[in-house]
Protein backbone atom coordinates (compact mmCIF):
# COMPACT_ATOMS: atom_id res chain seq x y z
CA UNK A 1 177.92 72.24 89.34
CA UNK A 2 174.76 74.13 88.52
CA UNK A 3 175.13 77.79 87.72
CA UNK A 4 172.36 80.04 86.95
CA UNK A 5 172.27 83.74 85.08
CA UNK A 6 169.77 86.18 86.47
CA UNK A 7 169.07 89.62 84.88
CA UNK A 8 166.40 92.25 85.80
CA UNK A 9 165.03 95.61 85.79
CA UNK A 10 165.98 96.97 89.28
CA UNK A 11 163.67 99.78 90.57
CA UNK A 12 165.51 100.97 93.20
CA UNK A 13 168.51 101.35 91.19
CA UNK A 14 166.66 102.23 87.30
CA UNK A 15 168.62 100.01 85.42
CA UNK A 16 169.46 96.22 84.61
CA UNK A 17 171.06 94.04 86.90
CA UNK A 18 172.72 90.73 86.77
CA UNK A 19 174.39 87.97 88.94
CA UNK A 20 174.89 84.45 88.79
CA UNK A 21 174.24 81.54 90.99
CA UNK A 22 176.35 78.83 91.43
CA UNK A 23 175.34 75.59 93.48
CA UNK A 24 171.95 74.21 94.76
CA UNK A 25 171.98 74.10 97.81
CA UNK A 26 173.32 74.89 101.54
CA UNK A 27 174.37 77.98 103.09
CA UNK A 28 173.50 81.11 100.72
CA UNK A 29 176.59 83.37 100.16
CA UNK A 30 175.89 86.75 99.07
CA UNK A 31 179.11 87.81 97.10
CA UNK A 32 180.13 91.86 96.31
CA UNK A 33 182.58 92.28 93.49
CA UNK A 34 185.59 94.43 94.07
CA UNK A 35 186.38 98.00 93.21
CA UNK A 36 184.82 98.15 89.84
CA UNK A 37 183.96 94.12 89.51
CA UNK A 38 181.03 92.84 88.19
CA UNK A 39 179.26 89.88 89.01
CA UNK A 40 181.12 87.24 86.85
CA UNK A 41 184.84 88.68 88.87
CA UNK A 42 184.78 86.21 91.77
CA UNK A 43 184.71 83.20 89.15
CA UNK A 44 187.12 85.00 86.90
CA UNK A 45 189.44 85.32 89.66
CA UNK A 46 189.36 81.27 90.06
CA UNK A 47 187.56 81.92 93.77
CA UNK A 48 184.46 79.60 92.69
CA UNK A 49 186.95 76.43 91.66
CA UNK A 50 188.51 76.72 94.86
CA UNK A 51 185.47 76.24 97.30
CA UNK A 52 183.92 74.08 93.96
CA UNK A 53 183.83 70.79 96.52
CA UNK A 54 181.77 72.59 99.31
CA UNK A 55 179.41 73.76 96.07
CA UNK A 56 179.00 70.35 95.24
CA UNK A 57 178.38 69.15 98.33
CA UNK A 58 175.63 71.19 98.69
CA UNK A 59 177.44 73.26 101.94
CA UNK A 60 177.45 76.77 99.97
CA UNK A 61 175.33 78.45 97.45
CA UNK A 62 177.26 81.78 96.16
CA UNK A 63 175.61 84.46 94.72
CA UNK A 64 177.65 86.82 92.53
CA UNK A 65 176.11 90.60 92.15
CA UNK A 66 177.55 93.40 89.93
CA UNK A 67 178.81 96.51 91.24
CA UNK A 68 177.84 99.98 90.43
CA UNK A 69 181.04 101.85 91.82
CA UNK A 70 181.46 103.86 89.23
CA UNK A 71 178.13 105.50 89.87
CA UNK A 72 178.78 105.88 93.58
CA UNK A 73 182.07 105.89 95.26
CA UNK A 74 184.27 106.02 92.35
CA UNK A 75 181.80 108.90 90.60
CA UNK A 76 184.34 111.78 90.60
CA UNK A 77 182.16 113.87 88.80
CA UNK A 78 179.21 113.47 91.30
CA UNK A 79 179.07 115.81 94.71
CA UNK A 80 179.71 113.52 97.47
CA UNK A 81 176.35 113.28 98.44
CA UNK A 82 175.23 112.09 95.52
CA UNK A 83 177.99 109.43 95.75
CA UNK A 84 176.46 108.43 98.97
CA UNK A 85 172.73 108.47 97.82
CA UNK A 86 173.93 105.91 94.62
CA UNK A 87 174.96 104.16 97.53
CA UNK A 88 172.44 103.66 99.32
CA UNK A 89 170.34 103.00 96.43
CA UNK A 90 172.43 99.81 95.68
CA UNK A 91 172.19 98.57 99.58
CA UNK A 92 168.39 98.99 98.62
CA UNK A 93 168.59 96.99 95.37
CA UNK A 94 170.43 94.48 97.64
CA UNK A 95 168.04 94.43 100.83
CA UNK A 96 164.82 94.47 98.35
CA UNK A 97 165.75 92.37 95.61
CA UNK A 98 168.71 90.27 95.70
CA UNK A 99 168.12 89.08 99.58
CA UNK A 100 164.28 88.27 98.70
CA UNK A 101 165.73 86.56 95.56
CA UNK A 102 168.57 84.62 97.57
CA UNK A 103 165.64 83.05 100.04
CA UNK A 104 163.20 82.13 97.12
CA UNK A 105 165.65 79.96 95.51
CA UNK A 106 167.38 78.18 98.81
CA UNK A 107 165.36 77.99 101.79
CA UNK A 108 168.56 77.35 104.21
CA UNK A 109 168.53 79.10 107.35
CA UNK A 110 172.11 80.77 107.26
CA UNK A 111 173.25 83.87 105.03
CA UNK A 112 176.76 84.98 104.70
CA UNK A 113 177.98 88.01 103.78
CA UNK A 114 181.08 87.85 101.84
CA UNK A 115 183.67 89.99 99.89
CA UNK A 116 187.15 91.02 98.59
CA UNK A 117 188.64 94.49 98.84
CA UNK A 118 185.69 97.70 98.35
CA UNK A 119 183.92 94.17 98.14
CA UNK A 120 184.60 93.72 101.93
CA UNK A 121 183.30 96.99 102.77
CA UNK A 122 180.28 96.24 101.25
CA UNK A 123 179.50 92.99 102.82
CA UNK A 124 180.82 94.26 106.38
CA UNK A 125 178.84 97.66 106.02
CA UNK A 126 175.46 95.97 104.94
CA UNK A 127 175.93 93.14 107.66
CA UNK A 128 176.90 95.39 110.72
CA UNK A 129 173.82 97.62 109.67
CA UNK A 130 171.36 94.89 109.18
CA UNK A 131 172.71 91.88 111.23
CA UNK A 132 169.37 89.88 111.73
CA UNK A 133 169.72 88.83 108.02
CA UNK A 134 173.06 87.54 108.00
CA UNK A 135 174.96 84.65 110.09
CA UNK A 136 178.62 85.17 109.10
CA UNK A 137 180.56 87.65 107.73
CA UNK A 138 183.69 87.03 106.03
CA UNK A 139 185.56 89.88 104.64
CA UNK A 140 189.22 89.89 103.02
CA UNK A 141 191.53 93.04 102.75
CA UNK A 142 188.95 95.68 103.53
CA UNK A 143 188.58 99.26 104.04
CA UNK A 144 186.06 100.02 106.57
CA UNK A 145 186.35 103.90 106.68
CA UNK A 146 186.12 105.49 103.50
CA UNK A 147 186.80 108.42 104.42
CA UNK A 148 190.60 107.78 105.20
CA UNK A 149 193.71 108.89 102.74
CA UNK A 150 196.09 106.11 102.91
CA UNK A 151 198.86 105.45 100.78
CA UNK A 152 197.57 106.49 96.99
CA UNK A 153 194.13 105.48 98.33
CA UNK A 154 192.32 109.03 98.50
CA UNK A 155 189.49 109.70 100.37
CA UNK A 156 186.44 108.46 98.52
CA UNK A 157 184.16 111.89 99.88
CA UNK A 158 186.20 114.75 99.29
CA UNK A 159 185.76 115.59 102.87
CA UNK A 160 182.45 116.20 102.93
CA UNK A 161 180.50 114.08 106.17
CA UNK A 162 177.25 114.07 107.00
CA UNK A 163 174.73 111.62 108.87
CA UNK A 164 174.64 109.19 105.58
CA UNK A 165 178.82 108.74 105.53
CA UNK A 166 178.52 108.42 109.12
CA UNK A 167 175.80 105.64 109.16
CA UNK A 168 178.01 103.72 106.65
CA UNK A 169 180.97 103.89 108.20
CA UNK A 170 181.76 100.91 110.40
CA UNK A 171 184.31 102.42 112.41
CA UNK A 172 182.45 105.23 112.82
CA UNK A 173 179.07 104.03 113.70
CA UNK A 174 179.75 100.95 115.57
CA UNK A 175 181.28 102.49 118.67
CA UNK A 176 178.37 104.43 119.32
CA UNK A 177 175.63 101.48 118.70
CA UNK A 178 173.85 100.57 122.06
CA UNK A 179 170.46 98.91 120.74
CA UNK A 180 170.42 95.75 123.13
CA UNK A 181 168.90 93.92 119.62
CA UNK A 182 171.32 94.94 117.47
CA UNK A 183 174.14 94.38 119.32
CA UNK A 184 172.99 91.07 120.14
CA UNK A 185 172.45 89.77 116.79
CA UNK A 186 176.21 91.49 115.93
CA UNK A 187 177.08 88.91 118.87
CA UNK A 188 175.41 86.43 117.65
CA UNK A 189 177.22 86.53 114.05
CA UNK A 190 180.26 84.53 113.00
CA UNK A 191 182.91 87.99 111.91
CA UNK A 192 186.09 86.84 109.77
CA UNK A 193 188.27 89.72 109.14
CA UNK A 194 191.45 89.00 106.68
CA UNK A 195 193.82 91.35 106.23
CA UNK A 196 197.75 91.41 104.68
CA UNK A 197 200.38 92.72 107.30
CA UNK A 198 201.31 95.18 104.43
CA UNK A 199 198.17 96.23 103.45
CA UNK A 200 197.64 100.15 103.36
CA UNK A 201 194.75 99.63 105.42
CA UNK A 202 195.60 97.22 108.36
CA UNK A 203 195.42 99.75 111.23
CA UNK A 204 191.75 100.45 109.70
CA UNK A 205 191.19 96.15 110.84
CA UNK A 206 192.93 96.84 114.02
CA UNK A 207 190.81 99.41 114.67
CA UNK A 208 187.78 98.03 113.97
CA UNK A 209 189.14 94.58 116.01
CA UNK A 210 189.52 96.71 118.79
CA UNK A 211 186.25 98.19 118.43
CA UNK A 212 184.29 95.33 117.96
CA UNK A 213 186.42 93.87 121.15
CA UNK A 214 185.29 96.72 123.18
CA UNK A 215 181.40 95.78 121.93
CA UNK A 216 181.79 92.52 123.12
CA UNK A 217 181.82 91.19 119.47
CA UNK A 218 183.34 87.96 119.38
CA UNK A 219 185.39 87.76 115.78
CA UNK A 220 187.98 86.49 113.91
CA UNK A 221 190.91 88.98 112.65
CA UNK A 222 193.58 86.60 110.59
CA UNK A 223 196.75 88.92 109.68
CA UNK A 224 198.56 87.47 106.58
CA UNK A 225 202.40 87.77 105.49
CA UNK A 226 202.96 90.61 102.67
CA UNK A 227 200.16 92.51 101.32
CA UNK A 228 198.30 90.00 100.45
CA UNK A 229 195.36 92.16 98.67
CA UNK A 230 195.08 90.70 95.17
CA UNK A 231 193.52 86.91 93.92
CA UNK A 232 196.29 85.12 94.40
CA UNK A 233 195.66 85.55 98.19
CA UNK A 234 192.20 85.17 98.11
CA UNK A 235 192.32 82.17 96.55
CA UNK A 236 194.35 80.82 99.54
CA UNK A 237 192.37 82.19 101.80
CA UNK A 238 188.42 81.54 100.80
CA UNK A 239 188.54 77.61 101.12
CA UNK A 240 189.80 78.80 104.97
CA UNK A 241 187.53 80.95 105.93
CA UNK A 242 184.53 80.43 103.83
C-alpha cells in the first residue's frame, strides 16, 4: 500500500502542518483526527488496516490531516472569539491548502469528508458549509453543537455566541438554510451518521437527523449498541460505511 508523508509551512495557520496519504487512487477521503489527535492517529487506531482491501483496490485514497484543537476549541486561555478565529483559519487551511493538494494528487471526482468524535464535527461542519466540494460525509460519534453542555462535556465556547459560532454550528444554521444551490448540493450528498445509543450526544444526532429530514436532505443515521465511542467500535464501523 502506498504511504506518503507531506509537510509544509501553512500560510493560513502560520505554522508547519503534516499529513499522511494512504493509497494511490479511488475516491479521496479527507480524514480529520479526534480531539487533540494528530495526522498519524487514524493509522495508529488501526483504521487504515481495516480498509486496507479498499485502499489497495484503488477504491479509496486517504488524506489524514493534523488537528489544532489545542489552539482553537480547547485553547481555554483564549477568549472564545479567538478560539473561533483560529478554527476558521484551520478551515481555510483545509479549503485552500489540503483540498488543492488532494486534487493535484488524485483526479478522481469523488471527495469524502470523514472523522470520528470531534473529527466528526470537523468533517460535518465543512461538508455542510461547502457541500459543492464533497460527495459524501461519513461521521462517527459526532457532536454537532459545541455550545451544548452534556455529561462532563462542557460548552467549548463558555457561553459566548456570535455570528461565527452560529455559522459553524450545523444544528443552528441548517434550519435557516434556504439557498437553492446549497440545498440541492446537500441533497445530492451521501450522508452517513453513526452514533451509539448510550453516547452523550445521541440527542444531538437525532436533532440533526430531524433537521435534515425537514430540509428534504436524505441521509442515513445508524444507531449502535452501547456508547460506541472509541476505536474498538470505529474499527468495526469503517469497513461498513466508508
